[in-house]
Amino acid sequence: MKTHMMNNKIRTAVVTAFVVTLTAPLAAIGGDEIDKTLDMPKDGHVLVENLTGSIEFTTWDREEAQIRGEAGDDVEEVEITKTSKGIEVKVRNRKGERRIDDTDLYLKIPKNAIIEAEGVSVDITISGSQAENIMLNTVSGDLEVESVSQRIELAAVSGDIEFEGKANRANVESVSGDITLVGVSGEISASTVSGDVSLEAGEVNRGRFESVSGEMTLSLTLADGGRLSSDSMSGDVYLMLPASQQAEFTVQSYSGDINSDFGDSAKVSQGPGVMLNHREGDNGAEVRLETFSGDISIRTE
């Protein structure tokens, strides 16, 4: 009886140790090469945090995540954890360290895996993804994404943002970087302070675009009943629409010019600037464009 009980205890201890081994973080310290492969669900969640350097995502059809790279010399550790939803990769830097070496990470993940990544001075690139959601945030790095996704959320402070592929919902923000979006549709929001916005979109239901001193070049089709608004302080706005576009246009520039293939502009009767009010068709769509000192141009493609 005692032997049987002892065997059960040993078996339990072995199983417990095995579980701990699977769930405990794997770590690499400064200067180490990183080469880990972990199982994960094909539509799981991948979270990566890196302060400086780069993060590059590519995809494959396996239910695995492969993480490669090299930890910066001043890095305390690169923690790689398998979670119930997927994996987490976090670069931990030494506290009080002023000089921080780059850590470059290369991940190969399932093509349907949700991607979330953030950093400070980090460039982030994604290619071949079919993730439902992609969420990227960096301060002084660039973001470059090629994917077919339902929703993208991309934010940078002084970096450029480029997206190409398909997305039905897009929320993109940059302060001093340029924004380039190709292939988005549905609901789109893009804002920048001193950068330019360039958009080549499909059919848009809701579109909101804001800039302080950057130019905005927008090419799209506005859906029946759709809403499009654009606000700029000193930048020019170029809007390209199909010749068959129907919408009610409300356009104003306080010290710039308005040129449109949809109706004629006129000087404001009271106050500075020019305005354009014009209705084309009756599909319920609305276009509202406003700039303070920039020009506005609406042309047919």
Protein backbone atom coordinates (compact mmCIF):
# COMPACT_ATOMS: atom_id res chain seq x y z
CA MET A 1 0.00 0.00 0.00
CA LYS A 2 2.83 2.38 0.91
CA THR A 3 4.59 1.54 -2.34
CA HIS A 4 1.43 2.31 -4.31
CA MET A 5 1.02 5.68 -2.55
CA MET A 6 4.67 6.52 -3.16
CA ASN A 7 4.30 5.74 -6.88
CA ASN A 8 1.29 8.05 -7.07
CA LYS A 9 3.26 10.87 -5.43
CA ILE A 10 6.16 10.40 -7.82
CA ARG A 11 3.81 10.33 -10.80
CA THR A 12 2.10 13.53 -9.58
CA ALA A 13 5.43 15.26 -9.08
CA VAL A 14 6.57 14.32 -12.58
CA VAL A 15 3.32 15.59 -14.15
CA THR A 16 3.53 18.83 -12.15
CA ALA A 17 7.12 19.41 -13.20
CA PHE A 18 6.16 18.75 -16.84
CA VAL A 19 3.33 21.33 -16.69
CA VAL A 20 5.61 23.92 -15.09
CA THR A 21 8.18 23.33 -17.81
CA LEU A 22 5.58 23.99 -20.51
CA THR A 23 4.19 27.19 -18.99
CA ALA A 24 7.31 28.76 -17.49
CA PRO A 25 8.92 31.56 -19.53
CA LEU A 26 11.93 30.84 -21.69
CA ALA A 27 14.53 33.58 -21.39
CA ALA A 28 17.58 34.82 -23.25
CA ILE A 29 20.01 37.33 -21.71
CA GLY A 30 21.94 40.15 -23.36
CA GLY A 31 24.03 39.06 -26.33
CA ASP A 32 22.35 35.66 -26.61
CA GLU A 33 21.09 34.25 -29.88
CA ILE A 34 17.34 33.60 -29.82
CA ASP A 35 15.91 30.56 -31.58
CA LYS A 36 12.72 29.15 -30.08
CA THR A 37 9.72 27.38 -31.62
CA LEU A 38 6.49 26.98 -29.67
CA ASP A 39 3.11 25.45 -30.49
CA MET A 40 0.19 27.87 -30.66
CA PRO A 41 -3.38 27.97 -32.05
CA LYS A 42 -3.66 28.94 -35.72
CA ASP A 43 -5.86 31.92 -34.76
CA GLY A 44 -4.14 32.62 -31.45
CA HIS A 45 -2.73 35.87 -30.10
CA VAL A 46 0.87 37.03 -30.47
CA LEU A 47 2.09 39.86 -28.22
CA VAL A 48 5.57 41.38 -28.65
CA GLU A 49 7.12 44.21 -26.62
CA ASN A 50 10.53 45.60 -27.59
CA LEU A 51 12.02 48.95 -26.59
CA THR A 52 14.57 49.50 -29.38
CA GLY A 53 15.46 47.65 -32.56
CA SER A 54 13.01 45.92 -34.87
CA ILE A 55 10.19 43.38 -34.99
CA GLU A 56 9.52 41.49 -38.21
CA PHE A 57 6.54 39.18 -38.69
CA THR A 58 6.17 36.67 -41.51
CA THR A 59 3.63 33.86 -41.68
CA TRP A 60 3.25 30.18 -42.47
CA ASP A 61 0.55 27.47 -42.36
CA ARG A 62 1.91 25.74 -39.25
CA GLU A 63 0.36 25.96 -35.79
CA GLU A 64 3.70 27.10 -34.43
CA ALA A 65 5.50 30.33 -33.64
CA GLN A 66 9.20 30.59 -34.37
CA ILE A 67 11.13 33.38 -32.65
CA ARG A 68 14.64 34.24 -33.77
CA GLY A 69 17.03 37.12 -33.24
CA GLU A 70 19.71 38.40 -30.93
CA ALA A 71 19.26 40.13 -27.59
CA GLY A 72 21.02 43.48 -27.29
CA ASP A 73 24.09 43.49 -25.04
CA ASP A 74 22.42 45.77 -22.49
CA VAL A 75 19.21 43.72 -22.33
CA GLU A 76 18.47 42.00 -19.04
CA GLU A 77 16.46 39.25 -20.70
CA VAL A 78 14.12 38.38 -23.56
CA GLU A 79 11.19 36.56 -22.01
CA ILE A 80 9.27 34.15 -24.23
CA THR A 81 6.07 32.75 -22.72
CA LYS A 82 3.50 30.31 -24.00
CA THR A 83 0.00 31.42 -22.95
CA SER A 84 -3.47 29.91 -23.21
CA LYS A 85 -4.12 32.15 -26.25
CA GLY A 86 -0.74 32.04 -27.96
CA ILE A 87 2.67 33.49 -27.11
CA GLU A 88 4.22 36.59 -25.55
CA VAL A 89 7.69 37.94 -26.24
CA LYS A 90 8.91 40.72 -23.95
CA VAL A 91 12.33 42.37 -24.00
CA ARG A 92 13.27 43.37 -20.46
CA ASN A 93 15.93 46.08 -20.12
CA ARG A 94 18.13 46.73 -17.10
CA LYS A 95 16.71 49.37 -14.79
CA GLY A 96 18.61 52.65 -14.84
CA GLU A 97 20.49 51.75 -18.02
CA ARG A 98 20.83 54.83 -20.22
CA ARG A 99 22.35 53.12 -23.20
CA ILE A 100 20.19 50.39 -24.69
CA ASP A 101 21.33 48.24 -27.58
CA ASP A 102 18.92 47.20 -30.31
CA THR A 103 17.19 43.85 -30.12
CA ASP A 104 16.07 42.58 -33.53
CA LEU A 105 13.30 39.97 -33.46
CA TYR A 106 12.13 37.80 -36.37
CA LEU A 107 8.88 35.90 -35.87
CA LYS A 108 7.20 33.34 -38.09
CA ILE A 109 3.64 32.82 -36.94
CA PRO A 110 0.37 31.26 -38.15
CA LYS A 111 -1.10 33.45 -40.88
CA ASN A 112 -4.39 33.87 -38.99
CA ALA A 113 -2.80 34.78 -35.65
CA ILE A 114 -3.83 38.10 -34.10
CA ILE A 115 -0.82 40.43 -33.87
CA GLU A 116 -0.15 43.01 -31.16
CA ALA A 117 3.24 44.73 -30.93
CA GLU A 118 4.62 47.87 -29.36
CA GLY A 119 7.91 49.64 -28.74
CA VAL A 120 9.66 52.99 -28.53
CA SER A 121 12.43 53.20 -31.12
CA VAL A 122 11.24 50.13 -33.00
CA ASP A 123 10.48 49.48 -36.66
CA ILE A 124 7.69 46.92 -37.12
CA THR A 125 6.97 45.07 -40.37
CA ILE A 126 4.31 42.47 -41.21
CA SER A 127 3.92 40.50 -44.43
CA GLY A 128 1.52 37.75 -45.48
CA SER A 129 -0.83 38.09 -42.51
CA GLN A 130 -4.52 37.21 -42.58
CA ALA A 131 -5.09 38.17 -38.95
CA GLU A 132 -8.53 39.34 -37.94
CA ASN A 133 -6.94 42.13 -35.86
CA ILE A 134 -3.57 43.87 -36.06
CA MET A 135 -2.55 46.40 -33.38
CA LEU A 136 0.83 48.17 -33.63
CA ASN A 137 2.23 51.08 -31.63
CA THR A 138 5.66 52.72 -31.85
CA VAL A 139 7.14 56.12 -31.03
CA SER A 140 10.07 56.85 -33.34
CA GLY A 141 9.92 53.79 -35.57
CA ASP A 142 8.17 53.05 -38.86
CA LEU A 143 5.26 50.67 -39.37
CA GLU A 144 4.95 48.67 -42.60
CA VAL A 145 2.08 46.19 -42.97
CA GLU A 146 0.96 43.93 -45.79
CA SER A 147 -2.11 41.92 -44.77
CA VAL A 148 -5.70 40.91 -45.37
CA SER A 149 -7.45 41.77 -42.12
CA GLN A 150 -10.77 42.77 -40.66
CA ARG A 151 -9.36 45.52 -38.44
CA ILE A 152 -6.07 47.40 -38.16
CA GLU A 153 -4.99 49.89 -35.49
CA LEU A 154 -1.65 51.54 -36.27
CA ALA A 155 -0.05 54.38 -34.30
CA ALA A 156 3.33 56.14 -34.48
CA VAL A 157 4.67 59.47 -33.25
CA SER A 158 7.56 60.38 -35.54
CA GLY A 159 7.51 57.35 -37.83
CA ASP A 160 5.88 56.70 -41.19
CA ILE A 161 2.98 54.24 -41.54
CA GLU A 162 2.37 52.17 -44.66
CA PHE A 163 -0.41 49.62 -45.21
CA GLU A 164 -1.22 47.59 -48.30
CA GLY A 165 -3.77 44.80 -48.63
CA LYS A 166 -7.35 44.69 -47.40
CA ALA A 167 -8.98 45.90 -44.19
CA ASN A 168 -12.62 46.64 -43.42
CA ARG A 169 -11.84 48.89 -40.44
CA ALA A 170 -8.76 51.07 -40.12
CA ASN A 171 -7.71 53.46 -37.36
CA VAL A 172 -4.34 55.06 -38.12
CA GLU A 173 -2.53 57.89 -36.30
CA SER A 174 0.84 59.60 -36.70
CA VAL A 175 2.21 62.91 -35.43
CA SER A 176 5.08 63.85 -37.73
CA GLY A 177 5.14 60.83 -40.02
CA ASP A 178 3.40 60.19 -43.33
CA ILE A 179 0.46 57.79 -43.66
CA THR A 180 -0.06 55.67 -46.78
CA LEU A 181 -3.07 53.34 -47.00
CA VAL A 182 -3.80 51.15 -50.01
CA GLY A 183 -6.72 48.70 -50.18
CA VAL A 184 -8.70 49.69 -47.10
CA SER A 185 -12.49 50.07 -47.17
CA GLY A 186 -15.49 50.27 -44.87
CA GLU A 187 -14.70 52.48 -41.85
CA ILE A 188 -11.47 54.50 -42.02
CA SER A 189 -9.98 57.05 -39.64
CA ALA A 190 -6.58 58.63 -40.31
CA SER A 191 -4.96 61.60 -38.59
CA THR A 192 -1.56 63.28 -38.62
CA VAL A 193 -0.12 66.61 -37.50
CA SER A 194 2.72 67.47 -39.87
CA GLY A 195 2.72 64.39 -42.08
CA ASP A 196 0.91 63.73 -45.35
CA VAL A 197 -1.99 61.30 -45.79
CA SER A 198 -2.32 59.24 -48.97
CA LEU A 199 -5.32 56.95 -49.42
CA GLU A 200 -6.30 54.55 -52.19
CA ALA A 201 -9.47 52.92 -50.91
CA GLY A 202 -12.39 50.87 -52.10
CA GLU A 203 -15.94 51.64 -51.01
CA VAL A 204 -16.06 53.67 -47.80
CA ASN A 205 -19.00 53.81 -45.39
CA ARG A 206 -17.43 56.15 -42.85
CA GLY A 207 -14.26 58.14 -43.42
CA ARG A 208 -12.68 60.72 -41.14
CA PHE A 209 -9.36 62.39 -42.03
CA GLU A 210 -7.48 65.07 -40.09
CA SER A 211 -4.21 66.94 -40.61
CA VAL A 212 -2.69 70.16 -39.33
CA SER A 213 0.00 71.04 -41.87
CA GLY A 214 0.18 67.98 -44.08
CA GLU A 215 -1.44 67.35 -47.43
CA MET A 216 -4.24 64.82 -47.85
CA THR A 217 -4.74 62.91 -51.10
CA LEU A 218 -7.84 60.71 -50.91
CA SER A 219 -9.11 58.36 -53.61
CA LEU A 220 -12.27 56.38 -52.84
CA THR A 221 -15.91 55.59 -53.56
CA LEU A 222 -18.41 56.77 -50.96
CA ALA A 223 -21.17 54.23 -50.28
CA ASP A 224 -24.87 55.09 -50.38
CA GLY A 225 -25.67 56.86 -47.14
CA GLY A 226 -21.95 57.10 -46.33
CA ARG A 227 -20.20 59.92 -44.48
CA LEU A 228 -16.85 61.48 -45.37
CA SER A 229 -15.20 64.34 -43.48
CA SER A 230 -11.79 65.97 -43.82
CA ASP A 231 -10.33 68.76 -41.69
CA SER A 232 -7.01 70.50 -42.27
CA MET A 233 -5.42 73.64 -40.87
CA SER A 234 -2.82 74.65 -43.49
CA GLY A 235 -2.61 71.61 -45.74
CA ASP A 236 -4.20 71.07 -49.13
CA VAL A 237 -6.91 68.45 -49.66
CA TYR A 238 -7.20 66.46 -52.90
CA LEU A 239 -10.27 64.24 -53.16
CA MET A 240 -10.82 61.89 -56.11
CA LEU A 241 -14.23 60.27 -56.64
CA PRO A 242 -15.90 58.29 -59.44
CA ALA A 243 -17.73 60.40 -62.02
CA SER A 244 -20.94 58.58 -61.00
CA GLN A 245 -20.54 59.53 -57.31
CA GLN A 246 -23.69 60.81 -55.63
CA ALA A 247 -23.46 62.88 -52.45
CA GLU A 248 -24.27 66.17 -50.81
CA PHE A 249 -21.11 68.30 -50.75
CA THR A 250 -20.35 70.92 -48.08
CA VAL A 251 -16.89 72.40 -48.64
CA GLN A 252 -15.19 75.47 -47.16
CA SER A 253 -11.75 77.08 -47.24
CA TYR A 254 -11.12 80.27 -45.27
CA SER A 255 -8.09 81.54 -47.18
CA GLY A 256 -7.57 79.00 -49.95
CA ASP A 257 -9.26 78.05 -53.22
CA ILE A 258 -11.86 75.39 -54.03
CA ASN A 259 -11.87 73.59 -57.37
CA SER A 260 -14.51 70.92 -57.96
CA ASP A 261 -16.01 68.74 -60.66
CA PHE A 262 -19.13 68.62 -58.47
CA GLY A 263 -20.69 72.08 -58.43
CA ASP A 264 -19.18 75.58 -58.30
CA SER A 265 -17.73 77.43 -55.34
CA ALA A 266 -18.63 80.99 -54.32
CA LYS A 267 -17.27 83.57 -51.93
CA VAL A 268 -18.77 83.55 -48.46
CA SER A 269 -21.27 86.41 -48.14
CA GLN A 270 -20.27 87.19 -44.57
CA GLY A 271 -16.70 86.50 -43.54
CA PRO A 272 -13.57 85.34 -45.37
CA GLY A 273 -13.12 82.40 -47.67
CA VAL A 274 -15.08 80.44 -50.22
CA MET A 275 -17.73 77.74 -49.95
CA LEU A 276 -19.29 75.06 -52.10
CA ASN A 277 -22.72 73.58 -51.43
CA HIS A 278 -23.88 71.07 -54.00
CA ARG A 279 -26.06 67.96 -54.19
CA GLU A 280 -25.40 65.23 -56.72
CA GLY A 281 -28.16 62.59 -56.76
CA ASP A 282 -30.16 61.50 -53.75
CA ASN A 283 -28.39 58.47 -52.25
CA GLY A 284 -28.03 60.11 -48.83
CA ALA A 285 -24.22 60.25 -48.84
CA GLU A 286 -22.50 63.34 -47.38
CA VAL A 287 -19.07 64.86 -48.03
CA ARG A 288 -17.77 67.59 -45.73
CA LEU A 289 -14.34 69.13 -46.37
CA GLU A 290 -12.81 72.07 -44.53
CA THR A 291 -9.40 73.74 -44.47
CA PHE A 292 -8.24 77.02 -43.01
CA SER A 293 -5.43 78.17 -45.30
CA GLY A 294 -5.12 75.29 -47.76
CA ASP A 295 -6.69 74.60 -51.12
CA ILE A 296 -9.37 71.97 -51.76
CA SER A 297 -9.68 70.06 -55.02
CA ILE A 298 -12.43 67.52 -55.83
CA ARG A 299 -11.93 65.65 -59.06
CA THR A 300 -13.45 62.67 -60.89
CA GLU A 301 -11.29 59.68 -61.70
